[in-house]
Each structure stands twice: as C-alpha cells, then as structure tokens.
Amino acid sequence: MEPTLVEGDRVLVRYDGRVEPGRVVVARFPDGVVAVKRALHEEVHHSGAPAWLLASDNAGAAGARRAPVRASEVLAVVVLRVWPRPGRVRRTRV
C-alpha cells in the first residue's frame, strides 16, 4: 500500500465500516491471504454475489491488482494510521 501505508504501520479499523470507492480496507482473498487494499468499485463476483475490485496504491508492486473479492470477505475499513503518528516524518531504511 505504499505510499499510503508502509510495512510496520499500525492502523485503526472499523469492522462494521461502510465500504466506499477510494476507502482503504482489510480483505481476505480466496487464497487465504488477508491484506490491506484500496476499494476501487463494486461489481458482481462470478458467483453472482456482490464484490469489490481491490488494488494496491503501488501499481508496480506484486499483487497490485487482484480479482474481485466478495463483499462478505471485506473484513474492515481502515479509519486512520495510528503509528507512526500521522504527519510524523518517516525514516527510510537503507
């Protein structure tokens, strides 16, 4: 999810949050991976169930684009980053 989030960031999530296009969410993918992604838009899963197309903010990253995920597998909506505090300068590891 770089540049929005980087490894080690801690986030506050809302499990009953409303998913909307552009929101950052936590979702379980069919292979069992739980990941943080951005909700792009709603669509219909090949099973006929409601689904969300999710993507990473880093288009060049592996797994940046994924197949639609059933809406029931979108577990939570990210509310805010709590650590490091928003606005705090991040140090880059070399």
C-alpha atoms as a PDB file:
ATOM      1  CA  MET A   1       0.000   0.000   0.000  1.00  0.00           C
ATOM      2  CA  GLU A   2       2.971   2.307  -0.328  1.00  0.00           C
ATOM      3  CA  PRO A   3       2.997   5.289  -0.348  1.00  0.00           C
ATOM      4  CA  THR A   4      -0.195   5.450   1.785  1.00  0.00           C
ATOM      5  CA  LEU A   5       0.991   2.806   4.260  1.00  0.00           C
ATOM      6  CA  VAL A   6       4.355   1.126   4.711  1.00  0.00           C
ATOM      7  CA  GLU A   7       5.363  -2.089   6.440  1.00  0.00           C
ATOM      8  CA  GLY A   8       5.144  -1.649  10.206  1.00  0.00           C
ATOM      9  CA  ASP A   9       2.402   0.992  10.176  1.00  0.00           C
ATOM     10  CA  ARG A  10      -0.368   0.338  12.667  1.00  0.00           C
ATOM     11  CA  VAL A  11      -3.922   1.190  11.676  1.00  0.00           C
ATOM     12  CA  LEU A  12      -7.257   1.547  13.428  1.00  0.00           C
ATOM     13  CA  VAL A  13     -10.035  -0.346  11.636  1.00  0.00           C
ATOM     14  CA  ARG A  14     -13.789  -0.404  11.882  1.00  0.00           C
ATOM     15  CA  TYR A  15     -15.284  -3.838  11.343  1.00  0.00           C
ATOM     16  CA  ASP A  16     -18.773  -2.512  10.617  1.00  0.00           C
ATOM     17  CA  GLY A  17     -17.491   0.372   8.481  1.00  0.00           C
ATOM     18  CA  ARG A  18     -19.129   1.232   5.194  1.00  0.00           C
ATOM     19  CA  VAL A  19     -17.028   0.312   2.177  1.00  0.00           C
ATOM     20  CA  GLU A  20     -16.965   3.037  -0.471  1.00  0.00           C
ATOM     21  CA  PRO A  21     -14.809   3.553  -3.560  1.00  0.00           C
ATOM     22  CA  GLY A  22     -11.450   5.026  -2.562  1.00  0.00           C
ATOM     23  CA  ARG A  23     -11.503   3.704   1.024  1.00  0.00           C
ATOM     24  CA  VAL A  24      -8.668   1.541   2.359  1.00  0.00           C
ATOM     25  CA  VAL A  25      -9.944  -1.843   3.546  1.00  0.00           C
ATOM     26  CA  VAL A  26      -8.792  -5.127   5.046  1.00  0.00           C
ATOM     27  CA  ALA A  27      -9.900  -8.123   2.980  1.00  0.00           C
ATOM     28  CA  ARG A  28      -9.451 -11.893   2.852  1.00  0.00           C
ATOM     29  CA  PHE A  29      -8.582 -13.158  -0.625  1.00  0.00           C
ATOM     30  CA  PRO A  30      -9.597 -16.596  -1.960  1.00  0.00           C
ATOM     31  CA  ASP A  31      -6.080 -17.945  -1.291  1.00  0.00           C
ATOM     32  CA  GLY A  32      -6.500 -17.091   2.422  1.00  0.00           C
ATOM     33  CA  VAL A  33      -4.230 -14.015   2.401  1.00  0.00           C
ATOM     34  CA  VAL A  34      -5.511 -11.113   4.498  1.00  0.00           C
ATOM     35  CA  ALA A  35      -4.285  -7.805   3.061  1.00  0.00           C
ATOM     36  CA  VAL A  36      -4.829  -4.063   3.130  1.00  0.00           C
ATOM     37  CA  LYS A  37      -6.008  -2.719  -0.246  1.00  0.00           C
ATOM     38  CA  ARG A  38      -7.915   0.214  -1.724  1.00  0.00           C
ATOM     39  CA  ALA A  39     -11.526  -0.372  -2.800  1.00  0.00           C
ATOM     40  CA  LEU A  40     -11.919   0.685  -6.437  1.00  0.00           C
ATOM     41  CA  HIS A  41     -15.528  -0.129  -7.243  1.00  0.00           C
ATOM     42  CA  GLU A  42     -18.359  -2.556  -6.628  1.00  0.00           C
ATOM     43  CA  GLU A  43     -19.115  -5.277  -9.111  1.00  0.00           C
ATOM     44  CA  VAL A  44     -20.617  -8.743  -9.251  1.00  0.00           C
ATOM     45  CA  HIS A  45     -18.453 -11.765  -8.385  1.00  0.00           C
ATOM     46  CA  HIS A  46     -18.524 -14.655 -10.891  1.00  0.00           C
ATOM     47  CA  SER A  47     -20.665 -16.489  -8.320  1.00  0.00           C
ATOM     48  CA  GLY A  48     -23.291 -13.735  -8.555  1.00  0.00           C
ATOM     49  CA  ALA A  49     -22.507 -12.341  -5.096  1.00  0.00           C
ATOM     50  CA  PRO A  50     -21.726  -8.640  -4.542  1.00  0.00           C
ATOM     51  CA  ALA A  51     -17.974  -7.993  -4.745  1.00  0.00           C
ATOM     52  CA  TRP A  52     -15.332  -5.244  -4.625  1.00  0.00           C
ATOM     53  CA  LEU A  53     -12.427  -4.778  -7.003  1.00  0.00           C
ATOM     54  CA  LEU A  54      -9.412  -4.019  -4.787  1.00  0.00           C
ATOM     55  CA  ALA A  55      -5.941  -2.735  -5.683  1.00  0.00           C
ATOM     56  CA  SER A  56      -2.700  -1.584  -4.119  1.00  0.00           C
ATOM     57  CA  ASP A  57      -1.671   2.091  -4.199  1.00  0.00           C
ATOM     58  CA  ASN A  58       1.673   0.904  -5.593  1.00  0.00           C
ATOM     59  CA  ALA A  59       0.820  -0.126  -9.146  1.00  0.00           C
ATOM     60  CA  GLY A  60       4.276  -1.687  -9.638  1.00  0.00           C
ATOM     61  CA  ALA A  61       4.038  -3.996  -6.621  1.00  0.00           C
ATOM     62  CA  ALA A  62       3.420  -7.715  -6.942  1.00  0.00           C
ATOM     63  CA  GLY A  63      -0.290  -8.380  -6.448  1.00  0.00           C
ATOM     64  CA  ALA A  64      -1.186  -4.738  -7.056  1.00  0.00           C
ATOM     65  CA  ARG A  65      -4.316  -5.787  -8.945  1.00  0.00           C
ATOM     66  CA  ARG A  66      -6.468  -8.661  -7.836  1.00  0.00           C
ATOM     67  CA  ALA A  67      -9.670 -10.355  -8.916  1.00  0.00           C
ATOM     68  CA  PRO A  68     -12.907  -9.144  -7.349  1.00  0.00           C
ATOM     69  CA  VAL A  69     -13.321 -10.108  -3.697  1.00  0.00           C
ATOM     70  CA  ARG A  70     -16.751 -10.987  -2.339  1.00  0.00           C
ATOM     71  CA  ALA A  71     -18.184  -8.160  -0.262  1.00  0.00           C
ATOM     72  CA  SER A  72     -18.534 -10.609   2.656  1.00  0.00           C
ATOM     73  CA  GLU A  73     -14.720 -11.060   2.599  1.00  0.00           C
ATOM     74  CA  VAL A  74     -14.050  -7.337   3.075  1.00  0.00           C
ATOM     75  CA  LEU A  75     -13.442  -7.563   6.814  1.00  0.00           C
ATOM     76  CA  ALA A  76     -12.924  -3.946   7.875  1.00  0.00           C
ATOM     77  CA  VAL A  77     -12.450  -0.358   6.748  1.00  0.00           C
ATOM     78  CA  VAL A  78      -9.243   1.440   7.779  1.00  0.00           C
ATOM     79  CA  VAL A  79     -10.109   4.556   9.773  1.00  0.00           C
ATOM     80  CA  LEU A  80      -6.637   6.002  10.342  1.00  0.00           C
ATOM     81  CA  ARG A  81      -2.968   5.267  10.776  1.00  0.00           C
ATOM     82  CA  VAL A  82      -2.091   5.421  14.485  1.00  0.00           C
ATOM     83  CA  TRP A  83       1.614   4.561  14.386  1.00  0.00           C
ATOM     84  CA  PRO A  84       3.749   6.233  13.445  1.00  0.00           C
ATOM     85  CA  ARG A  85       1.529   9.211  14.171  1.00  0.00           C
ATOM     86  CA  PRO A  86       0.104  10.890  11.063  1.00  0.00           C
ATOM     87  CA  GLY A  87       2.303  13.783  10.000  1.00  0.00           C
ATOM     88  CA  ARG A  88       5.407  12.288  11.603  1.00  0.00           C
ATOM     89  CA  VAL A  89       8.391  12.065   9.282  1.00  0.00           C
ATOM     90  CA  ARG A  90       9.306   8.509   8.360  1.00  0.00           C
ATOM     91  CA  ARG A  91      12.926   7.475   8.242  1.00  0.00           C
ATOM     92  CA  THR A  92      13.894   5.402   5.252  1.00  0.00           C
ATOM     93  CA  ARG A  93      15.929   2.276   5.937  1.00  0.00           C
ATOM     94  CA  VAL A  94      18.932   1.904   3.681  1.00  0.00           C
END
